[in-house]
């Protein structure tokens, strides 16, 4: 006796996801978990570095020589911590580049940014730090674009979140450029300082938002395929399967 299988119009056909795709998602999810921890550590060290540096710069000079040396040592240790988290982030992104070259391109821009930043200590020219800033933003945009790209088939809401984060970085970049221009105009220096504080706050919000997106992205990759998502597709398939 034959069994007839019927489907209604509201039923969504089941998407076949290969074991290789699931394995790749787990690989990316695992690395995003590590990146989440590194980003948290980097943010904490950055905040501590700024606080100790400003304290040493404005308060330490009024203290004893021994106290200044202690504060300077703490600043150096935190600076090395920032370097360590940056190197760890480069390694993670390079590993993720195994499945998308966009991460490797972001790593290349980060390395160029570090090199140009070192040159700024030896070359007395405004062009060097400006060039360094350009590569810093290029690395950020490439990294964010690639995150949105790999997440689009997995979770469109998260992919959209990465796109909105990029917009916030762009607005911050525009605000920073406006600060430089207004700083050169004596009558606009007060406004320039206000815009600078707004940009710094926006950058802090962007960093916290990014960390939250990384956590959610890792969770999405580790749980793929999630049957609650109506737009499931093979994340790494290059073209749609032929229809019969």
Protein backbone atom coordinates (compact mmCIF):
# COMPACT_ATOMS: atom_id res chain seq x y z
CA UNK A 1 0.00 0.00 0.00
CA UNK A 2 1.55 3.29 -1.11
CA UNK A 3 1.81 6.16 1.33
CA UNK A 4 1.08 9.56 -0.15
CA UNK A 5 3.11 12.46 1.20
CA UNK A 6 1.47 15.85 0.88
CA UNK A 7 2.71 19.33 1.72
CA UNK A 8 0.83 22.53 2.28
CA UNK A 9 1.75 25.94 0.97
CA UNK A 10 2.82 27.10 4.43
CA UNK A 11 5.38 24.32 4.85
CA UNK A 12 9.02 25.30 4.29
CA UNK A 13 11.09 22.66 2.49
CA UNK A 14 13.87 21.26 4.65
CA UNK A 15 17.29 22.61 3.79
CA UNK A 16 20.06 20.06 3.49
CA UNK A 17 23.21 21.23 5.20
CA UNK A 18 26.40 19.27 4.59
CA UNK A 19 28.58 17.96 7.39
CA UNK A 20 31.44 20.04 5.98
CA UNK A 21 29.37 23.20 6.33
CA UNK A 22 28.47 22.40 9.92
CA UNK A 23 32.14 21.65 10.65
CA UNK A 24 33.19 25.00 9.21
CA UNK A 25 30.55 26.83 11.24
CA UNK A 26 31.78 25.12 14.40
CA UNK A 27 35.35 26.13 13.51
CA UNK A 28 34.33 29.77 13.05
CA UNK A 29 32.17 29.66 16.18
CA UNK A 30 35.06 28.30 18.25
CA UNK A 31 37.37 31.04 17.04
CA UNK A 32 34.72 33.69 17.64
CA UNK A 33 34.44 32.43 21.22
CA UNK A 34 38.18 33.05 21.61
CA UNK A 35 37.91 36.42 19.88
CA UNK A 36 35.13 37.39 22.32
CA UNK A 37 37.45 36.74 25.29
CA UNK A 38 40.35 38.59 23.63
CA UNK A 39 38.16 41.62 22.85
CA UNK A 40 36.94 41.75 26.45
CA UNK A 41 40.51 41.64 27.73
CA UNK A 42 41.60 44.26 25.20
CA UNK A 43 38.80 46.66 26.21
CA UNK A 44 39.59 46.25 29.93
CA UNK A 45 43.33 46.79 29.34
CA UNK A 46 42.66 49.80 27.10
CA UNK A 47 40.48 51.51 29.71
CA UNK A 48 43.04 50.79 32.44
CA UNK A 49 45.86 52.04 30.20
CA UNK A 50 44.11 55.35 29.48
CA UNK A 51 43.30 55.90 33.18
CA UNK A 52 46.83 55.11 34.40
CA UNK A 53 48.45 57.08 31.58
CA UNK A 54 46.39 60.22 32.27
CA UNK A 55 46.98 59.81 36.01
CA UNK A 56 50.73 59.46 35.46
CA UNK A 57 50.78 62.39 33.03
CA UNK A 58 48.80 64.90 35.09
CA UNK A 59 49.10 63.71 38.68
CA UNK A 60 52.27 61.62 38.76
CA UNK A 61 54.52 64.59 38.00
CA UNK A 62 53.43 66.14 41.30
CA UNK A 63 54.28 63.01 43.26
CA UNK A 64 57.60 61.58 44.35
CA UNK A 65 60.06 60.25 41.80
CA UNK A 66 59.55 56.69 43.05
CA UNK A 67 55.78 56.97 42.60
CA UNK A 68 56.26 58.23 39.05
CA UNK A 69 58.45 55.23 38.22
CA UNK A 70 55.82 52.84 39.59
CA UNK A 71 53.09 54.49 37.54
CA UNK A 72 55.29 54.47 34.44
CA UNK A 73 55.99 50.75 34.95
CA UNK A 74 52.25 50.06 35.16
CA UNK A 75 51.66 52.02 31.96
CA UNK A 76 54.38 50.01 30.17
CA UNK A 77 52.92 46.71 31.43
CA UNK A 78 49.45 47.68 30.21
CA UNK A 79 50.90 48.77 26.86
CA UNK A 80 52.51 45.33 26.52
CA UNK A 81 49.16 43.80 27.43
CA UNK A 82 47.54 45.74 24.59
CA UNK A 83 50.23 44.48 22.23
CA UNK A 84 49.62 40.91 23.39
CA UNK A 85 45.86 41.09 22.86
CA UNK A 86 46.42 42.64 19.42
CA UNK A 87 48.74 39.80 18.39
CA UNK A 88 46.24 37.23 19.69
CA UNK A 89 43.47 38.90 17.68
CA UNK A 90 45.63 38.81 14.53
CA UNK A 91 46.23 35.07 15.00
CA UNK A 92 42.49 34.37 15.44
CA UNK A 93 41.49 36.42 12.39
CA UNK A 94 44.20 34.75 10.30
CA UNK A 95 42.85 31.33 11.33
CA UNK A 96 39.32 32.40 10.36
CA UNK A 97 40.76 33.48 7.00
CA UNK A 98 40.92 29.76 6.20
CA UNK A 99 37.30 30.06 5.05
CA UNK A 100 37.12 33.70 3.97
CA UNK A 101 40.01 35.78 2.62
CA UNK A 102 38.38 38.95 3.98
CA UNK A 103 39.78 38.15 7.42
CA UNK A 104 43.30 37.79 5.98
CA UNK A 105 42.95 41.16 4.25
CA UNK A 106 41.91 42.68 7.59
CA UNK A 107 45.03 41.15 9.18
CA UNK A 108 47.20 42.67 6.43
CA UNK A 109 45.74 46.14 7.10
CA UNK A 110 46.32 45.68 10.86
CA UNK A 111 49.98 44.81 10.29
CA UNK A 112 50.45 47.83 8.01
CA UNK A 113 48.76 49.95 10.69
CA UNK A 114 51.27 48.75 13.31
CA UNK A 115 54.23 49.41 11.00
CA UNK A 116 53.07 52.95 10.15
CA UNK A 117 52.38 53.60 13.85
CA UNK A 118 55.99 52.70 14.68
CA UNK A 119 57.23 55.04 11.94
CA UNK A 120 55.29 57.90 13.52
CA UNK A 121 57.74 57.81 16.46
CA UNK A 122 60.70 58.43 14.14
CA UNK A 123 59.24 60.55 11.32
CA UNK A 124 58.13 64.08 12.17
CA UNK A 125 55.26 64.36 9.70
CA UNK A 126 51.48 64.55 10.06
CA UNK A 127 51.17 62.30 7.00
CA UNK A 128 52.41 59.21 8.91
CA UNK A 129 49.77 59.19 11.70
CA UNK A 130 47.08 60.03 9.14
CA UNK A 131 48.19 57.08 7.01
CA UNK A 132 48.18 54.91 10.13
CA UNK A 133 44.60 55.98 10.90
CA UNK A 134 43.50 55.14 7.36
CA UNK A 135 44.78 51.56 7.65
CA UNK A 136 43.24 51.24 11.10
CA UNK A 137 39.80 52.05 9.73
CA UNK A 138 40.40 49.90 6.62
CA UNK A 139 41.14 46.89 8.82
CA UNK A 140 38.03 47.56 10.92
CA UNK A 141 35.74 47.94 7.90
CA UNK A 142 37.13 44.83 6.18
CA UNK A 143 36.71 42.78 9.34
CA UNK A 144 33.13 44.01 9.91
CA UNK A 145 32.14 43.49 6.26
CA UNK A 146 33.47 39.92 6.35
CA UNK A 147 31.60 39.18 9.59
CA UNK A 148 28.36 40.41 7.99
CA UNK A 149 29.08 38.31 4.89
CA UNK A 150 29.58 34.99 6.70
CA UNK A 151 26.60 35.61 9.01
CA UNK A 152 24.10 36.60 6.34
CA UNK A 153 23.08 32.99 5.48
CA UNK A 154 23.11 31.99 9.16
CA UNK A 155 21.31 34.88 10.85
CA UNK A 156 20.25 37.90 8.83
CA UNK A 157 19.46 39.93 11.95
CA UNK A 158 23.03 39.56 13.19
CA UNK A 159 24.41 40.34 9.73
CA UNK A 160 22.33 43.53 9.75
CA UNK A 161 23.71 44.34 13.21
CA UNK A 162 27.26 44.20 11.87
CA UNK A 163 26.21 46.51 9.04
CA UNK A 164 24.80 49.02 11.53
CA UNK A 165 28.02 48.82 13.55
CA UNK A 166 29.95 49.79 10.42
CA UNK A 167 27.73 52.85 10.05
CA UNK A 168 28.54 53.91 13.61
CA UNK A 169 32.27 53.61 12.87
CA UNK A 170 31.79 55.73 9.73
CA UNK A 171 29.97 58.44 11.72
CA UNK A 172 32.78 58.36 14.29
CA UNK A 173 35.36 58.71 11.52
CA UNK A 174 33.51 61.71 10.07
CA UNK A 175 33.28 63.27 13.55
CA UNK A 176 37.00 62.74 14.14
CA UNK A 177 37.80 64.42 10.84
CA UNK A 178 35.55 67.33 11.78
CA UNK A 179 37.45 67.66 15.09
CA UNK A 180 40.74 68.04 13.24
CA UNK A 181 39.30 70.70 10.93
CA UNK A 182 37.58 72.66 13.72
CA UNK A 183 40.69 72.40 15.91
CA UNK A 184 42.54 74.46 13.31
CA UNK A 185 39.93 77.23 13.63
CA UNK A 186 40.34 79.22 16.83
CA UNK A 187 36.67 80.19 17.06
CA UNK A 188 35.56 76.55 16.79
CA UNK A 189 37.94 74.92 19.27
CA UNK A 190 35.34 74.66 22.04
CA UNK A 191 32.97 72.90 19.63
CA UNK A 192 35.85 70.71 18.49
CA UNK A 193 36.45 69.55 22.08
CA UNK A 194 32.75 68.74 22.51
CA UNK A 195 32.66 66.72 19.26
CA UNK A 196 35.82 64.91 20.35
CA UNK A 197 34.18 63.77 23.59
CA UNK A 198 31.11 62.63 21.65
CA UNK A 199 33.33 60.63 19.27
CA UNK A 200 35.21 59.02 22.17
CA UNK A 201 31.91 58.01 23.78
CA UNK A 202 30.63 56.69 20.43
CA UNK A 203 33.84 54.66 20.03
CA UNK A 204 33.34 53.12 23.48
CA UNK A 205 29.74 52.24 22.60
CA UNK A 206 30.95 50.72 19.30
CA UNK A 207 33.52 48.55 21.10
CA UNK A 208 30.95 47.24 23.59
CA UNK A 209 28.43 46.67 20.78
CA UNK A 210 31.08 44.80 18.77
CA UNK A 211 31.85 42.49 21.71
CA UNK A 212 28.14 41.73 22.09
CA UNK A 213 27.86 40.98 18.35
CA UNK A 214 30.86 38.65 18.52
CA UNK A 215 29.23 36.73 21.37
CA UNK A 216 25.93 36.40 19.49
CA UNK A 217 27.74 35.49 16.26
CA UNK A 218 29.70 32.72 17.99
CA UNK A 219 26.47 31.40 19.46
CA UNK A 220 24.79 31.43 16.02
CA UNK A 221 27.70 29.62 14.36
CA UNK A 222 27.91 27.00 17.11
CA UNK A 223 24.16 26.26 16.91
CA UNK A 224 23.89 26.19 13.10
CA UNK A 225 21.63 24.95 11.55
CA UNK A 226 18.99 26.41 13.84
CA UNK A 227 15.53 25.26 12.78
CA UNK A 228 13.99 28.39 14.31
CA UNK A 229 15.61 30.44 11.55
CA UNK A 230 13.38 30.49 8.42
CA UNK A 231 16.19 31.53 6.07
CA UNK A 232 18.59 28.60 6.52
CA UNK A 233 20.96 27.93 3.67
CA UNK A 234 24.29 26.29 3.13
CA UNK A 235 26.67 28.99 4.38
CA UNK A 236 29.50 28.03 2.09
CA UNK A 237 27.70 26.76 -0.98
CA UNK A 238 28.73 28.81 -3.99
CA UNK A 239 25.48 28.42 -5.89
CA UNK A 240 21.96 27.19 -5.30
CA UNK A 241 21.31 23.51 -5.85
CA UNK A 242 19.57 22.82 -9.17
CA UNK A 243 15.83 22.42 -8.88
CA UNK A 244 14.11 19.41 -10.39
